[in-house]
Protein backbone atom coordinates (compact mmCIF):
# COMPACT_ATOMS: atom_id res chain seq x y z
CA MET A 1 -48.11 1.55 52.13
CA SER A 2 -47.50 -1.26 54.65
CA LEU A 3 -45.10 -1.05 57.64
CA PHE A 4 -42.95 -3.79 56.09
CA ALA A 5 -42.68 -1.99 52.70
CA MET A 6 -41.73 1.31 54.33
CA THR A 7 -39.21 -0.31 56.66
CA PHE A 8 -37.64 -2.39 53.92
CA SER A 9 -37.31 0.49 51.46
CA LEU A 10 -35.74 2.73 54.11
CA PHE A 11 -33.37 -0.06 55.13
CA LEU A 12 -32.29 -0.50 51.47
CA LEU A 13 -31.88 3.26 51.16
CA MET A 14 -29.64 3.40 54.24
CA ASP A 15 -27.46 0.87 52.40
CA ALA A 16 -25.91 -0.78 55.47
CA ILE A 17 -24.26 -3.60 53.50
CA GLY A 18 -22.83 -1.21 50.93
CA ASN A 19 -21.53 1.06 53.66
CA VAL A 20 -19.62 -1.66 55.55
CA PRO A 21 -16.37 -1.36 53.49
CA ILE A 22 -16.48 2.44 53.64
CA PHE A 23 -17.05 2.56 57.41
CA LEU A 24 -14.22 0.07 57.90
CA ALA A 25 -11.86 2.05 55.66
CA ILE A 26 -12.61 5.36 57.39
CA LEU A 27 -12.25 3.86 60.92
CA LYS A 28 -9.36 1.48 60.26
CA GLU A 29 -6.74 3.51 62.14
CA ILE A 30 -9.00 4.09 65.20
CA ASP A 31 -9.08 1.78 68.24
CA PHE A 32 -11.71 -1.00 68.01
CA LYS A 33 -13.71 0.08 71.06
CA ARG A 34 -13.63 3.71 69.86
CA GLN A 35 -14.87 2.50 66.42
CA ARG A 36 -18.04 1.07 67.94
CA TYR A 37 -18.67 4.28 69.91
CA ILE A 38 -18.16 6.39 66.74
CA ILE A 39 -20.44 4.18 64.68
CA PHE A 40 -23.22 4.33 67.28
CA ARG A 41 -22.83 8.09 67.73
CA GLU A 42 -22.98 8.72 63.99
CA LEU A 43 -26.02 6.47 63.60
CA LEU A 44 -27.82 8.37 66.39
CA ILE A 45 -27.06 11.66 64.62
CA ALA A 46 -28.39 10.11 61.36
CA LEU A 47 -31.56 9.00 63.15
CA PHE A 48 -32.14 12.47 64.51
CA ILE A 49 -31.70 13.98 61.02
CA ILE A 50 -34.04 11.44 59.40
CA VAL A 51 -36.80 11.97 62.05
CA SER A 52 -36.35 15.72 61.76
CA PHE A 53 -36.82 15.62 58.00
CA TYR A 54 -39.90 13.44 58.53
CA PHE A 55 -41.51 16.08 60.69
CA ILE A 56 -40.44 19.17 58.73
CA GLY A 57 -40.80 17.46 55.36
CA GLU A 58 -44.44 18.29 54.74
CA TYR A 59 -43.98 21.92 55.82
CA LEU A 60 -40.85 22.24 53.71
CA LEU A 61 -42.68 20.93 50.68
CA LEU A 62 -45.56 23.40 51.31
CA LEU A 63 -43.13 26.25 51.81
CA LEU A 64 -41.27 25.47 48.62
CA LYS A 65 -44.56 24.67 46.84
CA ILE A 66 -43.29 21.25 45.77
CA SER A 67 -45.99 18.74 44.91
CA GLN A 68 -46.13 15.10 45.92
CA GLN A 69 -45.70 14.17 42.26
CA ALA A 70 -42.47 16.14 42.07
CA VAL A 71 -41.12 14.38 45.20
CA LEU A 72 -42.06 10.97 43.82
CA ILE A 73 -40.49 11.62 40.41
CA SER A 74 -37.33 13.33 41.73
CA GLY A 75 -37.00 10.74 44.53
CA GLY A 76 -37.32 7.93 42.00
CA MET A 77 -34.66 9.48 39.79
CA ILE A 78 -32.21 9.99 42.70
CA LEU A 79 -32.86 6.43 43.87
CA PHE A 80 -32.31 5.10 40.36
CA ILE A 81 -28.91 6.85 40.08
CA ILE A 82 -27.82 5.57 43.56
CA ALA A 83 -28.94 2.07 42.66
CA LEU A 84 -27.03 2.13 39.32
CA LYS A 85 -23.87 3.17 41.23
CA MET A 86 -24.41 0.22 43.60
CA ILE A 87 -24.75 -2.24 40.73
CA PHE A 88 -21.93 -0.64 38.59
CA PRO A 89 -19.52 0.93 41.08
CA SER A 90 -16.75 3.16 39.83
CA GLY A 91 -14.12 2.96 42.60
CA GLU A 92 -14.68 5.34 45.51
CA LYS A 93 -18.17 6.47 46.51
CA GLY A 94 -17.53 10.15 45.81
CA PHE A 95 -15.30 11.20 48.73
CA LYS A 96 -11.87 10.66 50.19
CA TRP A 97 -10.98 10.52 53.86
CA GLU A 98 -7.80 11.54 55.69
CA GLY A 99 -6.59 8.42 57.57
CA GLY A 100 -6.59 8.56 61.36
CA LYS A 101 -8.88 11.54 61.60
CA GLU A 102 -12.05 10.82 63.62
CA PRO A 103 -15.18 11.53 61.61
CA PHE A 104 -17.99 13.64 63.00
CA LEU A 105 -21.33 14.08 61.13
CA VAL A 106 -19.69 13.84 57.68
CA PRO A 107 -19.34 11.40 55.94
CA LEU A 108 -20.74 8.61 58.16
CA ALA A 109 -24.05 10.20 59.37
CA ILE A 110 -24.44 12.33 56.27
CA PRO A 111 -24.48 11.27 53.41
CA LEU A 112 -23.79 7.59 54.00
CA VAL A 113 -26.69 6.70 56.29
CA SER A 114 -29.00 9.72 56.04
CA GLY A 115 -28.40 10.54 52.43
CA PRO A 116 -30.59 12.38 49.90
CA ALA A 117 -32.59 9.32 48.98
CA VAL A 118 -33.49 8.50 52.59
CA LEU A 119 -34.44 12.13 53.31
CA ALA A 120 -36.52 12.32 50.11
CA ALA A 121 -38.31 9.12 51.12
CA VAL A 122 -39.21 10.28 54.64
CA MET A 123 -40.38 13.63 53.28
CA LEU A 124 -42.58 11.68 50.87
CA TYR A 125 -43.97 9.52 53.70
CA SER A 126 -44.79 12.70 55.66
CA HIS A 127 -46.95 13.73 52.70
CA GLN A 128 -48.75 10.35 52.42
CA GLN A 129 -51.75 8.92 54.23
CA VAL A 130 -49.83 6.96 56.83
CA THR A 131 -49.95 7.54 60.59
CA HIS A 132 -47.00 9.25 62.32
CA TRP A 133 -46.52 6.19 64.56
CA MET A 134 -46.31 3.84 61.61
CA ALA A 135 -43.79 6.00 59.77
CA LEU A 136 -41.68 6.50 62.92
CA LEU A 137 -41.74 2.78 63.65
CA ALA A 138 -40.59 2.08 60.05
CA ILE A 139 -37.75 4.61 60.44
CA LEU A 140 -36.75 3.10 63.79
CA LEU A 141 -36.85 -0.52 62.57
CA ALA A 142 -34.77 0.32 59.44
CA TRP A 143 -32.34 2.26 61.62
CA LEU A 144 -32.01 -0.60 64.09
CA ALA A 145 -31.25 -3.12 61.34
CA THR A 146 -28.66 -0.73 59.85
CA THR A 147 -27.16 -0.17 63.28
CA VAL A 148 -26.76 -3.94 63.97
CA ILE A 149 -25.07 -4.45 60.58
CA LEU A 150 -22.71 -1.48 60.90
CA VAL A 151 -21.79 -2.12 64.59
CA PHE A 152 -20.82 -5.70 63.66
CA SER A 153 -19.30 -4.66 60.32
CA ILE A 154 -15.92 -6.18 61.08
CA HIS A 155 -17.44 -9.61 61.72
CA LEU A 156 -19.70 -9.24 58.69
CA LYS A 157 -16.72 -8.51 56.42
CA LYS A 158 -14.88 -11.53 57.80
CA LEU A 159 -17.98 -13.73 57.24
CA LEU A 160 -18.89 -12.53 53.72
CA GLY A 161 -15.54 -11.28 52.43
CA ASP A 162 -15.16 -8.54 49.83
CA ARG A 163 -16.91 -10.54 47.08
CA GLY A 164 -19.86 -11.46 49.34
CA LEU A 165 -20.33 -7.80 50.36
CA SER A 166 -20.11 -6.74 46.70
CA ALA A 167 -22.76 -9.35 45.75
CA CYS A 168 -25.09 -8.18 48.56
CA GLU A 169 -24.67 -4.55 47.46
CA LYS A 170 -25.54 -5.43 43.87
CA LEU A 171 -28.66 -7.29 44.99
CA THR A 172 -29.62 -4.26 47.13
CA GLY A 173 -29.06 -2.05 44.06
CA LEU A 174 -31.35 -4.22 41.97
CA LEU A 175 -34.14 -4.00 44.57
CA LEU A 176 -33.64 -0.25 44.77
CA ILE A 177 -33.96 0.09 41.01
CA MET A 178 -37.39 -1.61 41.20
CA ILE A 179 -38.46 0.68 44.04
CA SER A 180 -37.19 3.74 42.16
CA VAL A 181 -39.06 2.82 39.00
CA GLN A 182 -42.27 2.26 41.01
CA MET A 183 -41.83 5.70 42.69
CA PHE A 184 -41.32 7.30 39.23
CA LEU A 185 -44.37 5.57 37.80
CA ASP A 186 -46.47 6.55 40.83
CA GLY A 187 -45.42 10.15 40.29
CA LEU A 188 -46.36 10.00 36.59
CA LYS A 189 -49.71 8.40 37.49
CA TYR A 190 -50.51 11.39 39.79
CA VAL A 191 -49.51 13.81 37.05
CA PHE A 192 -51.72 12.23 34.38
CA SER A 193 -54.67 11.59 36.70
CA THR A 194 -55.02 15.28 37.64
């Protein structure tokens, strides 16, 4: 897998565009300067979690005796469900937030940025024939792109508006569906070739 493909798929999985309205809704009653600090702090926590899962992923899979095929198929299924929810949203994204309360770890770092699909993907990369430096660079580049979008989320919402953000999220969902189907097919290919 190429660096671009890994970076792009991780960026899509982090769903920066789709998370803009949620981040803004959760932080709306907090001072603007404090908002930026919180976003950056939560993204650093998410990066630490993602990198940790990358390094422990292979050992965790070995400990639990989970094959690469199982990770590919289950990761593809999770991704497919997430992508469907992005294309056909049903109101809230599965949680409610008490206004004015400053978030820590949940829900911004987990599950919005470092959610199950991202963690499954990095665990999968840890099991593939890619160098650690390439995988870490892909994680860092995807994280940097996500950070830029979320730190400037207020300006992005003003620029694109609600309809523009919704259209971007649906496009991201469509790309994720293609990636998820490819992951699922790769998993099936491994199953039938052994």
